[in-house]
Structures are given as structure tokens and as C-alpha cells.
């Protein structure tokens, strides 16, 4: 199973928060890196795979496109969510994999060709449709994404753990590559995700707290 480091960017710094309350996110001044400067942060952690959320662009207050491309060159593969709102809005560059979020991607997600669909979940429902994640995933099989990410926004940064039965239901609903992010707290959580058949997990807080070995994020695999 692929293990991916999450990195949220705001005003040219790596920030950390929880539960999707973006207004409370602060520069990451603890954990494995001595700096919140993105390239310095990557040099300290040395992940193989990276997930970037450009919070400024998602919120319409700025853009880190040039920095994202620099970061992508430091890893084998870089998933990037920058609030893409149409197929013409996708970013090209070395090692980049565009993420289209249900929160920002527009009403007709079937128009996209390529990239990963982030199924953004709050309170157990996909935003903005209000559907359950499993029901929503089942319809994605007919679209043209490279894979999907279940992003449990309410669980981000909380280390709240995994529900094995719910994960198995999600995996059964979708035929393609499927990653999970939000609330992954321990090695045991990664084992649950792997046993459920997920292809990858996105982590940050548990890594910085020492709950998941840094060697795993550097080799890009676990379990």
C-alpha cells in the first residue's frame, strides 16, 4: 500500500490543523522538520510520495503553482489539490497528479479526463451533494478518473482512527485505485486500510507524533 505525506500550504508555509477548520491552521512548528518552509520541510522529511493542498488557491486568495512544481520535482509522485474547477484548470508539470475535489470541481464531474477525484466528506456525507460516500463512489465507476481519494475532512489532524466495516463498503463500491486520508493515527490503522483493499493512505499528524515510522514515508510503502 502506498504511503503519502500530506502537506498543506498557506502563504508559502506548511501549515497544520484539524477537522477541516482552515481558518485555524497554523505554520507547522513541531514534528520532524525544523522549518515550515516547504522545500526545507521536504528536505527534512524526504517522502517518496506527496499530497499538496494549496489552501490559498482552494480559497481563492492566492496560488502556489510555482512552488508546487518545485516540490513535485523532489518526490516520485505529487498529488496536488489546488481547487481545480474545470478540466482547463489542471496543472501540468513533472511528477504531478491533479486532484479534482468534489468541493470545488463543479457540478459535472464526468467532464474530467484524468486526474484523481477527491471525495470530500464531512459529517459522513459527500460535499456538496450530500450523498453517502459509498453511493457516490459507485457512480464514479462510469467516469474517467485515474483513481479516487476518500478525504474525511472532519477527521483531518484528529487521529480518530478507522472503521473497518465502513472501509470495506467503500472499497467494494469502486473498481479503480482508491486512497484514504483523514484520521489515520497508527500502524494498526494502516493495517486496517490495507486489509480493506485500499491502494494508499495519506498521513501527516501521526507521522509527526512518531506513531508511524518515518522510514515508511521515505520508502513510500507500509504494511
C-alpha atoms as a PDB file:
ATOM      1  CA  UNK A   1       0.000   0.000   0.000  1.00  0.00           C
ATOM      2  CA  UNK A   2       1.285   3.447  -0.990  1.00  0.00           C
ATOM      3  CA  UNK A   3       2.055   5.838   1.878  1.00  0.00           C
ATOM      4  CA  UNK A   4       1.731   9.545   1.035  1.00  0.00           C
ATOM      5  CA  UNK A   5       2.796  12.583   3.068  1.00  0.00           C
ATOM      6  CA  UNK A   6       0.200  15.360   3.284  1.00  0.00           C
ATOM      7  CA  UNK A   7       1.425  18.947   3.085  1.00  0.00           C
ATOM      8  CA  UNK A   8      -0.973  21.893   3.347  1.00  0.00           C
ATOM      9  CA  UNK A   9       0.305  25.217   2.001  1.00  0.00           C
ATOM     10  CA  UNK A  10      -0.786  28.679   3.074  1.00  0.00           C
ATOM     11  CA  UNK A  11       1.126  31.918   2.406  1.00  0.00           C
ATOM     12  CA  UNK A  12       4.245  29.976   1.330  1.00  0.00           C
ATOM     13  CA  UNK A  13       4.422  27.908   4.515  1.00  0.00           C
ATOM     14  CA  UNK A  14       3.485  24.377   5.571  1.00  0.00           C
ATOM     15  CA  UNK A  15       0.519  24.624   7.937  1.00  0.00           C
ATOM     16  CA  UNK A  16      -1.228  22.152  10.206  1.00  0.00           C
ATOM     17  CA  UNK A  17      -4.750  21.944  11.523  1.00  0.00           C
ATOM     18  CA  UNK A  18      -7.581  19.560  12.136  1.00  0.00           C
ATOM     19  CA  UNK A  19     -11.221  18.853  11.334  1.00  0.00           C
ATOM     20  CA  UNK A  20     -11.102  20.949   8.157  1.00  0.00           C
ATOM     21  CA  UNK A  21     -11.308  24.223  10.094  1.00  0.00           C
ATOM     22  CA  UNK A  22      -8.945  26.013   7.727  1.00  0.00           C
ATOM     23  CA  UNK A  23      -9.184  29.367   9.486  1.00  0.00           C
ATOM     24  CA  UNK A  24      -7.370  27.822  12.467  1.00  0.00           C
ATOM     25  CA  UNK A  25      -4.469  26.266  10.506  1.00  0.00           C
ATOM     26  CA  UNK A  26      -1.070  27.480  11.762  1.00  0.00           C
ATOM     27  CA  UNK A  27       2.515  27.040  10.498  1.00  0.00           C
ATOM     28  CA  UNK A  28       3.821  23.600  11.424  1.00  0.00           C
ATOM     29  CA  UNK A  29       6.379  24.441  14.114  1.00  0.00           C
ATOM     30  CA  UNK A  30       6.713  20.949  15.595  1.00  0.00           C
ATOM     31  CA  UNK A  31       7.340  17.430  14.342  1.00  0.00           C
ATOM     32  CA  UNK A  32      10.043  16.042  12.059  1.00  0.00           C
ATOM     33  CA  UNK A  33      11.043  19.259  10.313  1.00  0.00           C
ATOM     34  CA  UNK A  34      12.840  22.231  11.903  1.00  0.00           C
ATOM     35  CA  UNK A  35      11.216  24.553   9.382  1.00  0.00           C
ATOM     36  CA  UNK A  36       7.770  25.246   7.898  1.00  0.00           C
ATOM     37  CA  UNK A  37       9.382  26.483   4.666  1.00  0.00           C
ATOM     38  CA  UNK A  38       8.130  23.897   2.119  1.00  0.00           C
ATOM     39  CA  UNK A  39      11.387  22.931   0.387  1.00  0.00           C
ATOM     40  CA  UNK A  40      13.210  22.775   3.715  1.00  0.00           C
ATOM     41  CA  UNK A  41      10.364  20.705   5.129  1.00  0.00           C
ATOM     42  CA  UNK A  42      10.629  18.226   2.261  1.00  0.00           C
ATOM     43  CA  UNK A  43      14.400  18.044   2.679  1.00  0.00           C
ATOM     44  CA  UNK A  44      13.917  17.097   6.341  1.00  0.00           C
ATOM     45  CA  UNK A  45      11.148  14.519   5.892  1.00  0.00           C
ATOM     46  CA  UNK A  46      12.213  13.137   2.479  1.00  0.00           C
ATOM     47  CA  UNK A  47       8.927  11.489   1.420  1.00  0.00           C
ATOM     48  CA  UNK A  48       8.677   9.372  -1.706  1.00  0.00           C
ATOM     49  CA  UNK A  49       5.075  10.398  -2.381  1.00  0.00           C
ATOM     50  CA  UNK A  50       3.494  13.763  -1.604  1.00  0.00           C
ATOM     51  CA  UNK A  51      -0.023  15.197  -1.375  1.00  0.00           C
ATOM     52  CA  UNK A  52      -0.249  19.001  -1.524  1.00  0.00           C
ATOM     53  CA  UNK A  53      -3.333  21.031  -0.686  1.00  0.00           C
ATOM     54  CA  UNK A  54      -2.872  24.619  -1.873  1.00  0.00           C
ATOM     55  CA  UNK A  55      -5.229  26.244   0.620  1.00  0.00           C
ATOM     56  CA  UNK A  56      -4.751  29.739  -0.796  1.00  0.00           C
ATOM     57  CA  UNK A  57      -5.827  28.677  -4.267  1.00  0.00           C
ATOM     58  CA  UNK A  58      -8.661  26.489  -2.959  1.00  0.00           C
ATOM     59  CA  UNK A  59      -9.975  29.523  -1.046  1.00  0.00           C
ATOM     60  CA  UNK A  60      -9.320  31.953  -3.914  1.00  0.00           C
ATOM     61  CA  UNK A  61      -6.780  34.085  -2.042  1.00  0.00           C
ATOM     62  CA  UNK A  62      -3.574  33.239  -3.923  1.00  0.00           C
ATOM     63  CA  UNK A  63      -1.596  30.491  -5.623  1.00  0.00           C
ATOM     64  CA  UNK A  64       1.468  28.323  -5.017  1.00  0.00           C
ATOM     65  CA  UNK A  65       1.722  26.908  -8.549  1.00  0.00           C
ATOM     66  CA  UNK A  66       5.439  27.623  -8.997  1.00  0.00           C
ATOM     67  CA  UNK A  67       6.241  26.243  -5.541  1.00  0.00           C
ATOM     68  CA  UNK A  68       4.089  23.159  -6.145  1.00  0.00           C
ATOM     69  CA  UNK A  69       6.104  22.371  -9.281  1.00  0.00           C
ATOM     70  CA  UNK A  70       9.362  22.750  -7.338  1.00  0.00           C
ATOM     71  CA  UNK A  71       8.095  20.414  -4.623  1.00  0.00           C
ATOM     72  CA  UNK A  72       6.919  17.859  -7.189  1.00  0.00           C
ATOM     73  CA  UNK A  73      10.442  17.585  -8.572  1.00  0.00           C
ATOM     74  CA  UNK A  74      11.652  16.432  -5.121  1.00  0.00           C
ATOM     75  CA  UNK A  75       9.415  13.333  -4.992  1.00  0.00           C
ATOM     76  CA  UNK A  76       8.464  10.391  -7.193  1.00  0.00           C
ATOM     77  CA  UNK A  77       4.833  11.422  -7.416  1.00  0.00           C
ATOM     78  CA  UNK A  78       2.945  14.503  -6.228  1.00  0.00           C
ATOM     79  CA  UNK A  79      -0.833  14.629  -5.868  1.00  0.00           C
ATOM     80  CA  UNK A  80      -1.996  18.247  -5.837  1.00  0.00           C
ATOM     81  CA  UNK A  81      -5.359  19.726  -4.869  1.00  0.00           C
ATOM     82  CA  UNK A  82      -5.434  23.381  -5.856  1.00  0.00           C
ATOM     83  CA  UNK A  83      -9.163  23.913  -6.120  1.00  0.00           C
ATOM     84  CA  UNK A  84      -9.419  22.820  -9.754  1.00  0.00           C
ATOM     85  CA  UNK A  85     -12.807  23.991 -11.057  1.00  0.00           C
ATOM     86  CA  UNK A  86     -12.769  22.775 -14.680  1.00  0.00           C
ATOM     87  CA  UNK A  87     -10.704  20.497 -16.965  1.00  0.00           C
ATOM     88  CA  UNK A  88      -8.906  23.585 -18.310  1.00  0.00           C
ATOM     89  CA  UNK A  89      -7.750  24.390 -14.782  1.00  0.00           C
ATOM     90  CA  UNK A  90      -5.479  21.358 -14.363  1.00  0.00           C
ATOM     91  CA  UNK A  91      -1.767  21.952 -13.719  1.00  0.00           C
ATOM     92  CA  UNK A  92       0.927  20.278 -15.826  1.00  0.00           C
ATOM     93  CA  UNK A  93       4.432  19.500 -14.687  1.00  0.00           C
ATOM     94  CA  UNK A  94       6.912  16.788 -13.763  1.00  0.00           C
ATOM     95  CA  UNK A  95       5.550  14.116 -11.375  1.00  0.00           C
ATOM     96  CA  UNK A  96       2.219  15.963 -10.920  1.00  0.00           C
ATOM     97  CA  UNK A  97      -1.123  14.208 -10.490  1.00  0.00           C
ATOM     98  CA  UNK A  98      -4.026  16.635 -10.390  1.00  0.00           C
ATOM     99  CA  UNK A  99      -6.745  16.202  -7.774  1.00  0.00           C
ATOM    100  CA  UNK A 100     -10.261  17.369  -8.517  1.00  0.00           C
ATOM    101  CA  UNK A 101     -12.247  17.820  -5.304  1.00  0.00           C
ATOM    102  CA  UNK A 102     -15.997  17.360  -5.101  1.00  0.00           C
ATOM    103  CA  UNK A 103     -15.982  20.560  -3.030  1.00  0.00           C
ATOM    104  CA  UNK A 104     -14.628  22.692  -5.877  1.00  0.00           C
ATOM    105  CA  UNK A 105     -14.708  20.636  -9.096  1.00  0.00           C
ATOM    106  CA  UNK A 106     -18.094  21.809 -10.353  1.00  0.00           C
ATOM    107  CA  UNK A 107     -21.496  20.278 -10.952  1.00  0.00           C
ATOM    108  CA  UNK A 108     -20.470  17.968 -13.820  1.00  0.00           C
ATOM    109  CA  UNK A 109     -17.522  15.870 -12.671  1.00  0.00           C
ATOM    110  CA  UNK A 110     -17.988  13.486 -15.599  1.00  0.00           C
ATOM    111  CA  UNK A 111     -16.354  16.076 -17.889  1.00  0.00           C
ATOM    112  CA  UNK A 112     -12.864  15.435 -16.479  1.00  0.00           C
ATOM    113  CA  UNK A 113     -10.424  13.153 -18.260  1.00  0.00           C
ATOM    114  CA  UNK A 114      -7.661  12.009 -15.930  1.00  0.00           C
ATOM    115  CA  UNK A 115      -6.547  13.131 -12.505  1.00  0.00           C
ATOM    116  CA  UNK A 116      -7.777  11.830  -9.163  1.00  0.00           C
ATOM    117  CA  UNK A 117     -11.185  12.616  -7.719  1.00  0.00           C
ATOM    118  CA  UNK A 118     -11.113  13.662  -4.082  1.00  0.00           C
ATOM    119  CA  UNK A 119     -14.395  12.661  -2.489  1.00  0.00           C
ATOM    120  CA  UNK A 120     -14.570  15.311   0.216  1.00  0.00           C
ATOM    121  CA  UNK A 121     -16.539  14.052   3.214  1.00  0.00           C
ATOM    122  CA  UNK A 122     -17.867  15.945   6.239  1.00  0.00           C
ATOM    123  CA  UNK A 123     -20.283  14.506   8.771  1.00  0.00           C
ATOM    124  CA  UNK A 124     -20.414  11.248   6.844  1.00  0.00           C
ATOM    125  CA  UNK A 125     -21.674  12.922   3.651  1.00  0.00           C
ATOM    126  CA  UNK A 126     -20.007  13.943   0.405  1.00  0.00           C
ATOM    127  CA  UNK A 127     -19.875  17.701  -0.076  1.00  0.00           C
ATOM    128  CA  UNK A 128     -21.683  19.366  -1.700  1.00  0.00           C
ATOM    129  CA  UNK A 129     -24.017  16.581  -2.923  1.00  0.00           C
ATOM    130  CA  UNK A 130     -24.950  15.193   0.496  1.00  0.00           C
ATOM    131  CA  UNK A 131     -24.734  11.596  -0.753  1.00  0.00           C
ATOM    132  CA  UNK A 132     -23.156   8.833   1.292  1.00  0.00           C
ATOM    133  CA  UNK A 133     -19.571   8.110   0.172  1.00  0.00           C
ATOM    134  CA  UNK A 134     -20.332   4.538  -0.935  1.00  0.00           C
ATOM    135  CA  UNK A 135     -23.294   5.599  -3.085  1.00  0.00           C
ATOM    136  CA  UNK A 136     -21.244   8.416  -4.606  1.00  0.00           C
ATOM    137  CA  UNK A 137     -18.289   6.101  -5.297  1.00  0.00           C
ATOM    138  CA  UNK A 138     -20.465   3.650  -7.171  1.00  0.00           C
ATOM    139  CA  UNK A 139     -21.319   6.295  -9.779  1.00  0.00           C
ATOM    140  CA  UNK A 140     -17.675   7.312 -10.213  1.00  0.00           C
ATOM    141  CA  UNK A 141     -17.017   3.957 -11.900  1.00  0.00           C
ATOM    142  CA  UNK A 142     -18.624   5.402 -15.034  1.00  0.00           C
ATOM    143  CA  UNK A 143     -16.347   8.475 -15.110  1.00  0.00           C
ATOM    144  CA  UNK A 144     -12.780   8.907 -16.379  1.00  0.00           C
ATOM    145  CA  UNK A 145     -10.538   9.492 -13.366  1.00  0.00           C
ATOM    146  CA  UNK A 146      -7.257   7.666 -12.719  1.00  0.00           C
ATOM    147  CA  UNK A 147      -8.449   6.908  -9.195  1.00  0.00           C
ATOM    148  CA  UNK A 148     -10.206   8.326  -6.152  1.00  0.00           C
ATOM    149  CA  UNK A 149      -9.287   9.639  -2.733  1.00  0.00           C
ATOM    150  CA  UNK A 150     -11.667   9.428   0.202  1.00  0.00           C
ATOM    151  CA  UNK A 151     -10.827  12.595   2.139  1.00  0.00           C
ATOM    152  CA  UNK A 152     -12.508  12.561   5.529  1.00  0.00           C
ATOM    153  CA  UNK A 153     -12.137  16.298   6.114  1.00  0.00           C
ATOM    154  CA  UNK A 154     -13.720  16.242   9.564  1.00  0.00           C
ATOM    155  CA  UNK A 155     -11.116  13.707  10.732  1.00  0.00           C
ATOM    156  CA  UNK A 156      -8.022  15.500   9.367  1.00  0.00           C
ATOM    157  CA  UNK A 157      -5.485  16.022  12.149  1.00  0.00           C
ATOM    158  CA  UNK A 158      -7.637  14.250  14.750  1.00  0.00           C
ATOM    159  CA  UNK A 159      -6.039  10.769  14.676  1.00  0.00           C
ATOM    160  CA  UNK A 160      -9.580   9.443  15.146  1.00  0.00           C
ATOM    161  CA  UNK A 161      -8.914   6.004  13.676  1.00  0.00           C
ATOM    162  CA  UNK A 162     -10.585   3.680  11.189  1.00  0.00           C
ATOM    163  CA  UNK A 163     -13.930   1.893  10.857  1.00  0.00           C
ATOM    164  CA  UNK A 164     -13.091  -1.426   9.174  1.00  0.00           C
ATOM    165  CA  UNK A 165     -16.650  -2.236   8.053  1.00  0.00           C
ATOM    166  CA  UNK A 166     -17.150   1.228   6.531  1.00  0.00           C
ATOM    167  CA  UNK A 167     -13.831   0.981   4.696  1.00  0.00           C
ATOM    168  CA  UNK A 168     -14.731  -2.388   3.226  1.00  0.00           C
ATOM    169  CA  UNK A 169     -18.034  -0.930   1.984  1.00  0.00           C
ATOM    170  CA  UNK A 170     -16.185   1.921   0.280  1.00  0.00           C
ATOM    171  CA  UNK A 171     -13.685  -0.422  -1.361  1.00  0.00           C
ATOM    172  CA  UNK A 172     -16.480  -2.655  -2.650  1.00  0.00           C
ATOM    173  CA  UNK A 173     -18.216   0.324  -4.294  1.00  0.00           C
ATOM    174  CA  UNK A 174     -15.347   1.340  -6.599  1.00  0.00           C
ATOM    175  CA  UNK A 175     -13.260  -0.636  -9.089  1.00  0.00           C
ATOM    176  CA  UNK A 176     -10.264   1.701  -9.507  1.00  0.00           C
ATOM    177  CA  UNK A 177      -7.336   2.886  -7.397  1.00  0.00           C
ATOM    178  CA  UNK A 178      -8.552   4.131  -4.027  1.00  0.00           C
ATOM    179  CA  UNK A 179      -6.648   6.142  -1.409  1.00  0.00           C
ATOM    180  CA  UNK A 180      -7.749   7.331   2.022  1.00  0.00           C
ATOM    181  CA  UNK A 181      -6.898  10.421   4.062  1.00  0.00           C
ATOM    182  CA  UNK A 182      -8.141  11.820   7.368  1.00  0.00           C
ATOM    183  CA  UNK A 183      -7.777  10.416  10.888  1.00  0.00           C
ATOM    184  CA  UNK A 184      -5.120   7.780  10.147  1.00  0.00           C
ATOM    185  CA  UNK A 185      -3.495   7.525  13.571  1.00  0.00           C
ATOM    186  CA  UNK A 186      -1.471   4.325  13.967  1.00  0.00           C
ATOM    187  CA  UNK A 187       0.242   1.422  12.260  1.00  0.00           C
ATOM    188  CA  UNK A 188      -2.881  -0.592  13.086  1.00  0.00           C
ATOM    189  CA  UNK A 189      -4.989   1.889  11.099  1.00  0.00           C
ATOM    190  CA  UNK A 190      -2.732   1.357   8.100  1.00  0.00           C
ATOM    191  CA  UNK A 191      -3.139  -2.394   8.502  1.00  0.00           C
ATOM    192  CA  UNK A 192      -6.940  -1.971   8.519  1.00  0.00           C
ATOM    193  CA  UNK A 193      -6.802   0.121   5.340  1.00  0.00           C
ATOM    194  CA  UNK A 194      -4.526  -2.391   3.645  1.00  0.00           C
ATOM    195  CA  UNK A 195      -6.727  -5.325   4.670  1.00  0.00           C
ATOM    196  CA  UNK A 196      -9.761  -3.489   3.270  1.00  0.00           C
ATOM    197  CA  UNK A 197      -8.006  -3.279  -0.099  1.00  0.00           C
ATOM    198  CA  UNK A 198      -7.072   0.416  -0.255  1.00  0.00           C
ATOM    199  CA  UNK A 199      -4.174   1.311  -2.548  1.00  0.00           C
ATOM    200  CA  UNK A 200      -2.794   4.148  -0.443  1.00  0.00           C
ATOM    201  CA  UNK A 201      -3.057   6.228   2.720  1.00  0.00           C
ATOM    202  CA  UNK A 202      -2.380   9.946   3.192  1.00  0.00           C
ATOM    203  CA  UNK A 203      -0.856  10.893   6.552  1.00  0.00           C
ATOM    204  CA  UNK A 204       0.779  13.780   8.397  1.00  0.00           C
ATOM    205  CA  UNK A 205      -0.101  14.193  12.082  1.00  0.00           C
ATOM    206  CA  UNK A 206       0.584  10.564  13.045  1.00  0.00           C
ATOM    207  CA  UNK A 207       3.975  10.750  11.344  1.00  0.00           C
ATOM    208  CA  UNK A 208       4.990  13.909  13.204  1.00  0.00           C
ATOM    209  CA  UNK A 209       3.837  12.417  16.503  1.00  0.00           C
ATOM    210  CA  UNK A 210       6.002   9.348  15.946  1.00  0.00           C
ATOM    211  CA  UNK A 211       3.090   6.922  15.618  1.00  0.00           C
ATOM    212  CA  UNK A 212       4.145   5.849  12.123  1.00  0.00           C
ATOM    213  CA  UNK A 213       7.841   5.256  11.253  1.00  0.00           C
ATOM    214  CA  UNK A 214       9.460   7.946   9.131  1.00  0.00           C
ATOM    215  CA  UNK A 215      11.277   5.187   7.221  1.00  0.00           C
ATOM    216  CA  UNK A 216       7.913   4.132   5.782  1.00  0.00           C
ATOM    217  CA  UNK A 217       7.104   7.559   4.350  1.00  0.00           C
ATOM    218  CA  UNK A 218      10.602   7.654   2.846  1.00  0.00           C
ATOM    219  CA  UNK A 219      10.213   4.343   1.059  1.00  0.00           C
ATOM    220  CA  UNK A 220       6.592   5.129   0.201  1.00  0.00           C
ATOM    221  CA  UNK A 221       5.121   1.845   1.372  1.00  0.00           C
ATOM    222  CA  UNK A 222       3.909   0.200   4.558  1.00  0.00           C
ATOM    223  CA  UNK A 223       2.383  -2.991   5.922  1.00  0.00           C
END
